[in-house]
Amino acid sequence: MHEDLANLYPANEPYSVAVAMLNNSAKMFQEAPTAVEELKKAFEAPIAELLSKLTDLANKAHDRQCARAEIKHYQEKVAALANDAHSGTDQKKQAKAESNNAK
């Protein structure tokens, strides 16, 4: 009832201060800190679980990006070594190209 009265009564009227004081002295405002604490406790565990999952996901994304960069590096290296190996008969370069291709 206090909340409905506060919502209906215009803010700049002569009794708006009295309505606000009535609303503030209502029992629901005295119980608000307890309700907030209960909500906070209810959300702490799921948020902590979500944060750990997000951290794990971010780490996996980072690892995937590192793997992609490494794959690209070795592809370029293999291509360069293969070009060098085909241009000559150097067995070391051919072996190194095969080794990098395996990586």
PDB file of N, CA and C in Angstrom:
ATOM      1  N   MET A   1       0.820  -1.182   0.000  1.00  0.00           N
ATOM      2  CA  MET A   1       0.000   0.000   0.000  1.00  0.00           C
ATOM      3  C   MET A   1       0.876   1.262   0.000  1.00  0.00           C
ATOM      4  N   HIS A   2       1.933   1.274   0.828  1.00  0.00           N
ATOM      5  CA  HIS A   2       2.809   2.448   0.888  1.00  0.00           C
ATOM      6  C   HIS A   2       3.484   2.689  -0.464  1.00  0.00           C
ATOM      7  N   GLU A   3       3.903   1.602  -1.081  1.00  0.00           N
ATOM      8  CA  GLU A   3       4.577   1.723  -2.369  1.00  0.00           C
ATOM      9  C   GLU A   3       3.617   2.234  -3.441  1.00  0.00           C
ATOM     10  N   ASP A   4       2.387   1.723  -3.448  1.00  0.00           N
ATOM     11  CA  ASP A   4       1.397   2.191  -4.416  1.00  0.00           C
ATOM     12  C   ASP A   4       1.086   3.664  -4.213  1.00  0.00           C
ATOM     13  N   LEU A   5       0.974   4.077  -2.977  1.00  0.00           N
ATOM     14  CA  LEU A   5       0.713   5.483  -2.670  1.00  0.00           C
ATOM     15  C   LEU A   5       1.866   6.357  -3.157  1.00  0.00           C
ATOM     16  N   ALA A   6       3.092   5.904  -2.944  1.00  0.00           N
ATOM     17  CA  ALA A   6       4.261   6.667  -3.395  1.00  0.00           C
ATOM     18  C   ALA A   6       4.315   6.742  -4.911  1.00  0.00           C
ATOM     19  N   ASN A   7       3.942   5.665  -5.595  1.00  0.00           N
ATOM     20  CA  ASN A   7       3.944   5.662  -7.058  1.00  0.00           C
ATOM     21  C   ASN A   7       2.864   6.567  -7.633  1.00  0.00           C
ATOM     22  N   LEU A   8       1.725   6.668  -6.966  1.00  0.00           N
ATOM     23  CA  LEU A   8       0.618   7.468  -7.474  1.00  0.00           C
ATOM     24  C   LEU A   8       0.752   8.952  -7.139  1.00  0.00           C
ATOM     25  N   TYR A   9       1.373   9.262  -6.024  1.00  0.00           N
ATOM     26  CA  TYR A   9       1.441  10.654  -5.579  1.00  0.00           C
ATOM     27  C   TYR A   9       2.569  11.378  -6.318  1.00  0.00           C
ATOM     28  N   PRO A  10       2.288  12.522  -6.954  1.00  0.00           N
ATOM     29  CA  PRO A  10       3.333  13.247  -7.698  1.00  0.00           C
ATOM     30  C   PRO A  10       4.464  13.717  -6.784  1.00  0.00           C
ATOM     31  N   ALA A  11       5.659  13.814  -7.318  1.00  0.00           N
ATOM     32  CA  ALA A  11       6.850  14.110  -6.526  1.00  0.00           C
ATOM     33  C   ALA A  11       6.923  15.555  -6.050  1.00  0.00           C
ATOM     34  N   ASN A  12       6.374  16.489  -6.760  1.00  0.00           N
ATOM     35  CA  ASN A  12       6.536  17.904  -6.411  1.00  0.00           C
ATOM     36  C   ASN A  12       5.319  18.498  -5.705  1.00  0.00           C
ATOM     37  N   GLU A  13       4.521  17.699  -5.076  1.00  0.00           N
ATOM     38  CA  GLU A  13       3.326  18.172  -4.368  1.00  0.00           C
ATOM     39  C   GLU A  13       3.652  18.431  -2.904  1.00  0.00           C
ATOM     40  N   PRO A  14       2.765  19.135  -2.180  1.00  0.00           N
ATOM     41  CA  PRO A  14       3.058  19.503  -0.788  1.00  0.00           C
ATOM     42  C   PRO A  14       3.278  18.319   0.143  1.00  0.00           C
ATOM     43  N   TYR A  15       2.620  17.210  -0.090  1.00  0.00           N
ATOM     44  CA  TYR A  15       2.750  16.064   0.819  1.00  0.00           C
ATOM     45  C   TYR A  15       3.727  14.996   0.314  1.00  0.00           C
ATOM     46  N   SER A  16       4.490  15.312  -0.710  1.00  0.00           N
ATOM     47  CA  SER A  16       5.398  14.306  -1.262  1.00  0.00           C
ATOM     48  C   SER A  16       6.473  13.899  -0.252  1.00  0.00           C
ATOM     49  N   VAL A  17       6.930  14.841   0.580  1.00  0.00           N
ATOM     50  CA  VAL A  17       7.931  14.509   1.610  1.00  0.00           C
ATOM     51  C   VAL A  17       7.317  13.576   2.649  1.00  0.00           C
ATOM     52  N   ALA A  18       6.073  13.844   3.036  1.00  0.00           N
ATOM     53  CA  ALA A  18       5.408  12.994   4.022  1.00  0.00           C
ATOM     54  C   ALA A  18       5.192  11.590   3.461  1.00  0.00           C
ATOM     55  N   VAL A  19       4.830  11.507   2.192  1.00  0.00           N
ATOM     56  CA  VAL A  19       4.634  10.194   1.559  1.00  0.00           C
ATOM     57  C   VAL A  19       5.961   9.445   1.507  1.00  0.00           C
ATOM     58  N   ALA A  20       7.031  10.141   1.192  1.00  0.00           N
ATOM     59  CA  ALA A  20       8.354   9.501   1.148  1.00  0.00           C
ATOM     60  C   ALA A  20       8.768   9.012   2.527  1.00  0.00           C
ATOM     61  N   MET A  21       8.512   9.810   3.562  1.00  0.00           N
ATOM     62  CA  MET A  21       8.855   9.395   4.929  1.00  0.00           C
ATOM     63  C   MET A  21       8.032   8.188   5.358  1.00  0.00           C
ATOM     64  N   LEU A  22       6.761   8.183   4.985  1.00  0.00           N
ATOM     65  CA  LEU A  22       5.896   7.042   5.294  1.00  0.00           C
ATOM     66  C   LEU A  22       6.424   5.785   4.612  1.00  0.00           C
ATOM     67  N   ASN A  23       6.812   5.936   3.386  1.00  0.00           N
ATOM     68  CA  ASN A  23       7.346   4.809   2.616  1.00  0.00           C
ATOM     69  C   ASN A  23       8.649   4.306   3.216  1.00  0.00           C
ATOM     70  N   ASN A  24       9.526   5.212   3.633  1.00  0.00           N
ATOM     71  CA  ASN A  24      10.817   4.826   4.206  1.00  0.00           C
ATOM     72  C   ASN A  24      10.686   4.181   5.574  1.00  0.00           C
ATOM     73  N   SER A  25       9.644   4.535   6.297  1.00  0.00           N
ATOM     74  CA  SER A  25       9.481   3.951   7.629  1.00  0.00           C
ATOM     75  C   SER A  25       8.724   2.627   7.594  1.00  0.00           C
ATOM     76  N   ALA A  26       8.289   2.224   6.422  1.00  0.00           N
ATOM     77  CA  ALA A  26       7.557   0.963   6.302  1.00  0.00           C
ATOM     78  C   ALA A  26       8.485  -0.210   6.613  1.00  0.00           C
ATOM     79  N   LYS A  27       7.917  -1.298   7.051  1.00  0.00           N
ATOM     80  CA  LYS A  27       8.685  -2.466   7.463  1.00  0.00           C
ATOM     81  C   LYS A  27       9.449  -3.095   6.297  1.00  0.00           C
ATOM     82  N   MET A  28       8.921  -2.952   5.087  1.00  0.00           N
ATOM     83  CA  MET A  28       9.585  -3.588   3.941  1.00  0.00           C
ATOM     84  C   MET A  28      10.975  -3.007   3.704  1.00  0.00           C
ATOM     85  N   PHE A  29      11.181  -1.729   4.043  1.00  0.00           N
ATOM     86  CA  PHE A  29      12.493  -1.142   3.858  1.00  0.00           C
ATOM     87  C   PHE A  29      13.458  -1.577   4.962  1.00  0.00           C
ATOM     88  N   GLN A  30      12.936  -1.901   6.120  1.00  0.00           N
ATOM     89  CA  GLN A  30      13.783  -2.388   7.200  1.00  0.00           C
ATOM     90  C   GLN A  30      14.227  -3.823   6.935  1.00  0.00           C
ATOM     91  N   GLU A  31      13.435  -4.565   6.195  1.00  0.00           N
ATOM     92  CA  GLU A  31      13.769  -5.955   5.880  1.00  0.00           C
ATOM     93  C   GLU A  31      14.599  -6.079   4.606  1.00  0.00           C
ATOM     94  N   ALA A  32      14.775  -4.996   3.888  1.00  0.00           N
ATOM     95  CA  ALA A  32      15.487  -5.045   2.611  1.00  0.00           C
ATOM     96  C   ALA A  32      16.920  -5.558   2.740  1.00  0.00           C
ATOM     97  N   PRO A  33      17.728  -5.128   3.720  1.00  0.00           N
ATOM     98  CA  PRO A  33      19.101  -5.660   3.805  1.00  0.00           C
ATOM     99  C   PRO A  33      19.153  -7.177   3.960  1.00  0.00           C
ATOM    100  N   THR A  34      18.219  -7.734   4.704  1.00  0.00           N
ATOM    101  CA  THR A  34      18.170  -9.193   4.865  1.00  0.00           C
ATOM    102  C   THR A  34      17.857  -9.863   3.539  1.00  0.00           C
ATOM    103  N   ALA A  35      16.912  -9.294   2.811  1.00  0.00           N
ATOM    104  CA  ALA A  35      16.546  -9.858   1.500  1.00  0.00           C
ATOM    105  C   ALA A  35      17.709  -9.760   0.525  1.00  0.00           C
ATOM    106  N   VAL A  36      18.416  -8.655   0.560  1.00  0.00           N
ATOM    107  CA  VAL A  36      19.573  -8.483  -0.322  1.00  0.00           C
ATOM    108  C   VAL A  36      20.655  -9.501   0.013  1.00  0.00           C
ATOM    109  N   GLU A  37      20.902  -9.734   1.284  1.00  0.00           N
ATOM    110  CA  GLU A  37      21.903 -10.726   1.689  1.00  0.00           C
ATOM    111  C   GLU A  37      21.508 -12.132   1.239  1.00  0.00           C
ATOM    112  N   GLU A  38      20.226 -12.465   1.340  1.00  0.00           N
ATOM    113  CA  GLU A  38      19.753 -13.781   0.890  1.00  0.00           C
ATOM    114  C   GLU A  38      19.940 -13.931  -0.615  1.00  0.00           C
ATOM    115  N   LEU A  39      19.614 -12.889  -1.351  1.00  0.00           N
ATOM    116  CA  LEU A  39      19.815 -12.939  -2.806  1.00  0.00           C
ATOM    117  C   LEU A  39      21.300 -13.062  -3.146  1.00  0.00           C
ATOM    118  N   LYS A  40      22.116 -12.322  -2.419  1.00  0.00           N
ATOM    119  CA  LYS A  40      23.558 -12.376  -2.663  1.00  0.00           C
ATOM    120  C   LYS A  40      24.095 -13.781  -2.429  1.00  0.00           C
ATOM    121  N   LYS A  41      23.667 -14.413  -1.341  1.00  0.00           N
ATOM    122  CA  LYS A  41      24.104 -15.782  -1.044  1.00  0.00           C
ATOM    123  C   LYS A  41      23.613 -16.762  -2.100  1.00  0.00           C
ATOM    124  N   ALA A  42      22.394 -16.528  -2.600  1.00  0.00           N
ATOM    125  CA  ALA A  42      21.835 -17.427  -3.617  1.00  0.00           C
ATOM    126  C   ALA A  42      22.601 -17.334  -4.929  1.00  0.00           C
ATOM    127  N   PHE A  43      23.137 -16.162  -5.238  1.00  0.00           N
ATOM    128  CA  PHE A  43      23.822 -15.976  -6.511  1.00  0.00           C
ATOM    129  C   PHE A  43      25.322 -16.202  -6.449  1.00  0.00           C
ATOM    130  N   GLU A  44      25.927 -16.212  -5.271  1.00  0.00           N
ATOM    131  CA  GLU A  44      27.382 -16.334  -5.165  1.00  0.00           C
ATOM    132  C   GLU A  44      27.908 -17.638  -5.753  1.00  0.00           C
ATOM    133  N   ALA A  45      27.307 -18.748  -5.413  1.00  0.00           N
ATOM    134  CA  ALA A  45      27.801 -20.046  -5.895  1.00  0.00           C
ATOM    135  C   ALA A  45      27.651 -20.190  -7.409  1.00  0.00           C
ATOM    136  N   PRO A  46      26.473 -19.896  -7.993  1.00  0.00           N
ATOM    137  CA  PRO A  46      26.376 -20.013  -9.454  1.00  0.00           C
ATOM    138  C   PRO A  46      27.318 -19.069 -10.200  1.00  0.00           C
ATOM    139  N   ILE A  47      27.524 -17.872  -9.672  1.00  0.00           N
ATOM    140  CA  ILE A  47      28.422 -16.928 -10.337  1.00  0.00           C
ATOM    141  C   ILE A  47      29.862 -17.419 -10.247  1.00  0.00           C
ATOM    142  N   ALA A  48      30.256 -17.959  -9.115  1.00  0.00           N
ATOM    143  CA  ALA A  48      31.611 -18.510  -8.982  1.00  0.00           C
ATOM    144  C   ALA A  48      31.820 -19.674  -9.943  1.00  0.00           C
ATOM    145  N   GLU A  49      30.809 -20.529 -10.064  1.00  0.00           N
ATOM    146  CA  GLU A  49      30.894 -21.654 -11.005  1.00  0.00           C
ATOM    147  C   GLU A  49      30.993 -21.149 -12.438  1.00  0.00           C
ATOM    148  N   LEU A  50      30.201 -20.148 -12.767  1.00  0.00           N
ATOM    149  CA  LEU A  50      30.230 -19.572 -14.110  1.00  0.00           C
ATOM    150  C   LEU A  50      31.580 -18.932 -14.406  1.00  0.00           C
ATOM    151  N   LEU A  51      32.141 -18.231 -13.432  1.00  0.00           N
ATOM    152  CA  LEU A  51      33.447 -17.606 -13.625  1.00  0.00           C
ATOM    153  C   LEU A  51      34.537 -18.645 -13.861  1.00  0.00           C
ATOM    154  N   SER A  52      34.465 -19.765 -13.147  1.00  0.00           N
ATOM    155  CA  SER A  52      35.477 -20.808 -13.367  1.00  0.00           C
ATOM    156  C   SER A  52      35.327 -21.421 -14.754  1.00  0.00           C
ATOM    157  N   LYS A  53      34.084 -21.596 -15.201  1.00  0.00           N
ATOM    158  CA  LYS A  53      33.864 -22.131 -16.551  1.00  0.00           C
ATOM    159  C   LYS A  53      34.341 -21.143 -17.617  1.00  0.00           C
ATOM    160  N   LEU A  54      34.117 -19.856 -17.384  1.00  0.00           N
ATOM    161  CA  LEU A  54      34.572 -18.846 -18.334  1.00  0.00           C
ATOM    162  C   LEU A  54      36.093 -18.785 -18.392  1.00  0.00           C
ATOM    163  N   THR A  55      36.735 -18.941 -17.244  1.00  0.00           N
ATOM    164  CA  THR A  55      38.200 -18.964 -17.212  1.00  0.00           C
ATOM    165  C   THR A  55      38.728 -20.160 -17.979  1.00  0.00           C
ATOM    166  N   ASP A  56      38.114 -21.307 -17.771  1.00  0.00           N
ATOM    167  CA  ASP A  56      38.513 -22.519 -18.482  1.00  0.00           C
ATOM    168  C   ASP A  56      38.318 -22.350 -19.986  1.00  0.00           C
ATOM    169  N   LEU A  57      37.200 -21.763 -20.373  1.00  0.00           N
ATOM    170  CA  LEU A  57      36.919 -21.533 -21.792  1.00  0.00           C
ATOM    171  C   LEU A  57      37.924 -20.559 -22.400  1.00  0.00           C
ATOM    172  N   ALA A  58      38.272 -19.510 -21.677  1.00  0.00           N
ATOM    173  CA  ALA A  58      39.258 -18.544 -22.169  1.00  0.00           C
ATOM    174  C   ALA A  58      40.624 -19.204 -22.334  1.00  0.00           C
ATOM    175  N   ASN A  59      40.996 -20.079 -21.389  1.00  0.00           N
ATOM    176  CA  ASN A  59      42.271 -20.801 -21.507  1.00  0.00           C
ATOM    177  C   ASN A  59      42.278 -21.725 -22.712  1.00  0.00           C
ATOM    178  N   LYS A  60      41.161 -22.404 -22.952  1.00  0.00           N
ATOM    179  CA  LYS A  60      41.082 -23.290 -24.119  1.00  0.00           C
ATOM    180  C   LYS A  60      41.158 -22.501 -25.421  1.00  0.00           C
ATOM    181  N   ALA A  61      40.513 -21.345 -25.459  1.00  0.00           N
ATOM    182  CA  ALA A  61      40.574 -20.502 -26.648  1.00  0.00           C
ATOM    183  C   ALA A  61      42.000 -20.016 -26.895  1.00  0.00           C
ATOM    184  N   HIS A  62      42.694 -19.660 -25.818  1.00  0.00           N
ATOM    185  CA  HIS A  62      44.092 -19.231 -25.946  1.00  0.00           C
ATOM    186  C   HIS A  62      44.963 -20.374 -26.461  1.00  0.00           C
ATOM    187  N   ASP A  63      44.778 -21.566 -25.907  1.00  0.00           N
ATOM    188  CA  ASP A  63      45.548 -22.733 -26.359  1.00  0.00           C
ATOM    189  C   ASP A  63      45.279 -23.037 -27.824  1.00  0.00           C
ATOM    190  N   ARG A  64      44.026 -22.903 -28.234  1.00  0.00           N
ATOM    191  CA  ARG A  64      43.676 -23.156 -29.635  1.00  0.00           C
ATOM    192  C   ARG A  64      44.352 -22.140 -30.542  1.00  0.00           C
ATOM    193  N   GLN A  65      44.370 -20.875 -30.127  1.00  0.00           N
ATOM    194  CA  GLN A  65      45.015 -19.841 -30.929  1.00  0.00           C
ATOM    195  C   GLN A  65      46.510 -20.104 -31.041  1.00  0.00           C
ATOM    196  N   CYS A  66      47.134 -20.526 -29.936  1.00  0.00           N
ATOM    197  CA  CYS A  66      48.563 -20.866 -29.964  1.00  0.00           C
ATOM    198  C   CYS A  66      48.826 -22.032 -30.912  1.00  0.00           C
ATOM    199  N   ALA A  67      47.961 -23.038 -30.869  1.00  0.00           N
ATOM    200  CA  ALA A  67      48.116 -24.196 -31.757  1.00  0.00           C
ATOM    201  C   ALA A  67      47.974 -23.780 -33.215  1.00  0.00           C
ATOM    202  N   ARG A  68      47.014 -22.905 -33.503  1.00  0.00           N
ATOM    203  CA  ARG A  68      46.842 -22.430 -34.887  1.00  0.00           C
ATOM    204  C   ARG A  68      48.066 -21.667 -35.366  1.00  0.00           C
ATOM    205  N   ALA A  69      48.628 -20.836 -34.489  1.00  0.00           N
ATOM    206  CA  ALA A  69      49.820 -20.079 -34.867  1.00  0.00           C
ATOM    207  C   ALA A  69      50.995 -21.022 -35.117  1.00  0.00           C
ATOM    208  N   GLU A  70      51.125 -22.047 -34.297  1.00  0.00           N
ATOM    209  CA  GLU A  70      52.205 -23.012 -34.465  1.00  0.00           C
ATOM    210  C   GLU A  70      52.025 -23.815 -35.758  1.00  0.00           C
ATOM    211  N   ILE A  71      50.798 -24.208 -36.040  1.00  0.00           N
ATOM    212  CA  ILE A  71      50.522 -24.944 -37.289  1.00  0.00           C
ATOM    213  C   ILE A  71      50.882 -24.083 -38.493  1.00  0.00           C
ATOM    214  N   LYS A  72      50.486 -22.815 -38.459  1.00  0.00           N
ATOM    215  CA  LYS A  72      50.791 -21.910 -39.568  1.00  0.00           C
ATOM    216  C   LYS A  72      52.296 -21.752 -39.728  1.00  0.00           C
ATOM    217  N   HIS A  73      53.015 -21.618 -38.603  1.00  0.00           N
ATOM    218  CA  HIS A  73      54.470 -21.482 -38.645  1.00  0.00           C
ATOM    219  C   HIS A  73      55.107 -22.695 -39.321  1.00  0.00           C
ATOM    220  N   TYR A  74      54.685 -23.887 -38.917  1.00  0.00           N
ATOM    221  CA  TYR A  74      55.283 -25.090 -39.495  1.00  0.00           C
ATOM    222  C   TYR A  74      54.869 -25.288 -40.951  1.00  0.00           C
ATOM    223  N   GLN A  75      53.661 -24.882 -41.321  1.00  0.00           N
ATOM    224  CA  GLN A  75      53.261 -24.975 -42.725  1.00  0.00           C
ATOM    225  C   GLN A  75      54.140 -24.090 -43.600  1.00  0.00           C
ATOM    226  N   GLU A  76      54.387 -22.871 -43.121  1.00  0.00           N
ATOM    227  CA  GLU A  76      55.254 -21.961 -43.872  1.00  0.00           C
ATOM    228  C   GLU A  76      56.682 -22.488 -43.930  1.00  0.00           C
ATOM    229  N   LYS A  77      57.132 -23.031 -42.812  1.00  0.00           N
ATOM    230  CA  LYS A  77      58.497 -23.561 -42.741  1.00  0.00           C
ATOM    231  C   LYS A  77      58.652 -24.769 -43.673  1.00  0.00           C
ATOM    232  N   VAL A  78      57.644 -25.643 -43.677  1.00  0.00           N
ATOM    233  CA  VAL A  78      57.684 -26.826 -44.546  1.00  0.00           C
ATOM    234  C   VAL A  78      57.679 -26.407 -46.004  1.00  0.00           C
ATOM    235  N   ALA A  79      56.842 -25.431 -46.315  1.00  0.00           N
ATOM    236  CA  ALA A  79      56.782 -24.967 -47.703  1.00  0.00           C
ATOM    237  C   ALA A  79      58.123 -24.395 -48.138  1.00  0.00           C
ATOM    238  N   ALA A  80      58.743 -23.596 -47.275  1.00  0.00           N
ATOM    239  CA  ALA A  80      60.047 -23.021 -47.616  1.00  0.00           C
ATOM    240  C   ALA A  80      61.109 -24.097 -47.740  1.00  0.00           C
ATOM    241  N   LEU A  81      61.135 -25.040 -46.816  1.00  0.00           N
ATOM    242  CA  LEU A  81      62.131 -26.126 -46.882  1.00  0.00           C
ATOM    243  C   LEU A  81      61.880 -27.040 -48.072  1.00  0.00           C
ATOM    244  N   ALA A  82      60.612 -27.260 -48.387  1.00  0.00           N
ATOM    245  CA  ALA A  82      60.305 -28.111 -49.536  1.00  0.00           C
ATOM    246  C   ALA A  82      60.769 -27.447 -50.827  1.00  0.00           C
ATOM    247  N   ASN A  83      60.592 -26.144 -50.919  1.00  0.00           N
ATOM    248  CA  ASN A  83      61.068 -25.428 -52.111  1.00  0.00           C
ATOM    249  C   ASN A  83      62.580 -25.506 -52.218  1.00  0.00           C
ATOM    250  N   ASP A  84      63.268 -25.345 -51.071  1.00  0.00           N
ATOM    251  CA  ASP A  84      64.732 -25.452 -51.064  1.00  0.00           C
ATOM    252  C   ASP A  84      65.173 -26.876 -51.381  1.00  0.00           C
ATOM    253  N   ALA A  85      64.467 -27.853 -50.868  1.00  0.00           N
ATOM    254  CA  ALA A  85      64.849 -29.253 -51.067  1.00  0.00           C
ATOM    255  C   ALA A  85      64.650 -29.669 -52.512  1.00  0.00           C
ATOM    256  N   HIS A  86      63.590 -29.156 -53.142  1.00  0.00           N
ATOM    257  CA  HIS A  86      63.328 -29.517 -54.541  1.00  0.00           C
ATOM    258  C   HIS A  86      64.287 -28.828 -55.490  1.00  0.00           C
ATOM    259  N   SER A  87      64.811 -27.685 -55.068  1.00  0.00           N
ATOM    260  CA  SER A  87      65.720 -26.960 -55.958  1.00  0.00           C
ATOM    261  C   SER A  87      67.103 -27.602 -55.992  1.00  0.00           C
ATOM    262  N   GLY A  88      67.456 -28.368 -54.980  1.00  0.00           N
ATOM    263  CA  GLY A  88      68.771 -29.013 -54.942  1.00  0.00           C
ATOM    264  C   GLY A  88      68.636 -30.449 -54.494  1.00  0.00           C
ATOM    265  N   THR A  89      69.753 -31.071 -54.304  1.00  0.00           N
ATOM    266  CA  THR A  89      69.746 -32.473 -53.891  1.00  0.00           C
ATOM    267  C   THR A  89      70.264 -32.622 -52.458  1.00  0.00           C
ATOM    268  N   ASP A  90      70.107 -31.594 -51.656  1.00  0.00           N
ATOM    269  CA  ASP A  90      70.600 -31.625 -50.272  1.00  0.00           C
ATOM    270  C   ASP A  90      69.693 -32.521 -49.428  1.00  0.00           C
ATOM    271  N   GLN A  91      70.234 -33.629 -48.937  1.00  0.00           N
ATOM    272  CA  GLN A  91      69.471 -34.601 -48.156  1.00  0.00           C
ATOM    273  C   GLN A  91      69.083 -34.044 -46.783  1.00  0.00           C
ATOM    274  N   LYS A  92      69.922 -33.190 -46.202  1.00  0.00           N
ATOM    275  CA  LYS A  92      69.619 -32.609 -44.887  1.00  0.00           C
ATOM    276  C   LYS A  92      68.374 -31.735 -44.961  1.00  0.00           C
ATOM    277  N   LYS A  93      68.281 -30.926 -46.009  1.00  0.00           N
ATOM    278  CA  LYS A  93      67.110 -30.067 -46.162  1.00  0.00           C
ATOM    279  C   LYS A  93      65.849 -30.901 -46.388  1.00  0.00           C
ATOM    280  N   GLN A  94      65.996 -31.963 -47.152  1.00  0.00           N
ATOM    281  CA  GLN A  94      64.848 -32.849 -47.405  1.00  0.00           C
ATOM    282  C   GLN A  94      64.395 -33.518 -46.104  1.00  0.00           C
ATOM    283  N   ALA A  95      65.349 -33.976 -45.298  1.00  0.00           N
ATOM    284  CA  ALA A  95      65.021 -34.620 -44.025  1.00  0.00           C
ATOM    285  C   ALA A  95      64.382 -33.612 -43.061  1.00  0.00           C
ATOM    286  N   LYS A  96      64.896 -32.378 -43.048  1.00  0.00           N
ATOM    287  CA  LYS A  96      64.350 -31.347 -42.172  1.00  0.00           C
ATOM    288  C   LYS A  96      62.923 -30.988 -42.610  1.00  0.00           C
ATOM    289  N   ALA A  97      62.676 -30.936 -43.907  1.00  0.00           N
ATOM    290  CA  ALA A  97      61.321 -30.643 -44.405  1.00  0.00           C
ATOM    291  C   ALA A  97      60.348 -31.733 -43.978  1.00  0.00           C
ATOM    292  N   GLU A  98      60.774 -32.979 -44.071  1.00  0.00           N
ATOM    293  CA  GLU A  98      59.927 -34.096 -43.657  1.00  0.00           C
ATOM    294  C   GLU A  98      59.662 -34.075 -42.154  1.00  0.00           C
ATOM    295  N   SER A  99      60.715 -33.740 -41.391  1.00  0.00           N
ATOM    296  CA  SER A  99      60.558 -33.659 -39.933  1.00  0.00           C
ATOM    297  C   SER A  99      59.574 -32.553 -39.539  1.00  0.00           C
ATOM    298  N   ASN A 100      59.708 -31.391 -40.154  1.00  0.00           N
ATOM    299  CA  ASN A 100      58.791 -30.277 -39.856  1.00  0.00           C
ATOM    300  C   ASN A 100      57.370 -30.574 -40.336  1.00  0.00           C
ATOM    301  N   ASN A 101      57.274 -31.310 -41.422  1.00  0.00           N
ATOM    302  CA  ASN A 101      55.949 -31.698 -41.929  1.00  0.00           C
ATOM    303  C   ASN A 101      55.254 -32.625 -40.924  1.00  0.00           C
ATOM    304  N   ALA A 102      56.049 -33.500 -40.304  1.00  0.00           N
ATOM    305  CA  ALA A 102      55.488 -34.401 -39.290  1.00  0.00           C
ATOM    306  C   ALA A 102      55.033 -33.642 -38.067  1.00  0.00           C
ATOM    307  N   LYS A 103      55.726 -32.586 -37.683  1.00  0.00           N
ATOM    308  CA  LYS A 103      55.343 -31.778 -36.523  1.00  0.00           C
ATOM    309  C   LYS A 103      54.025 -31.101 -36.789  1.00  0.00           C
TER     310      LYS A 103
END
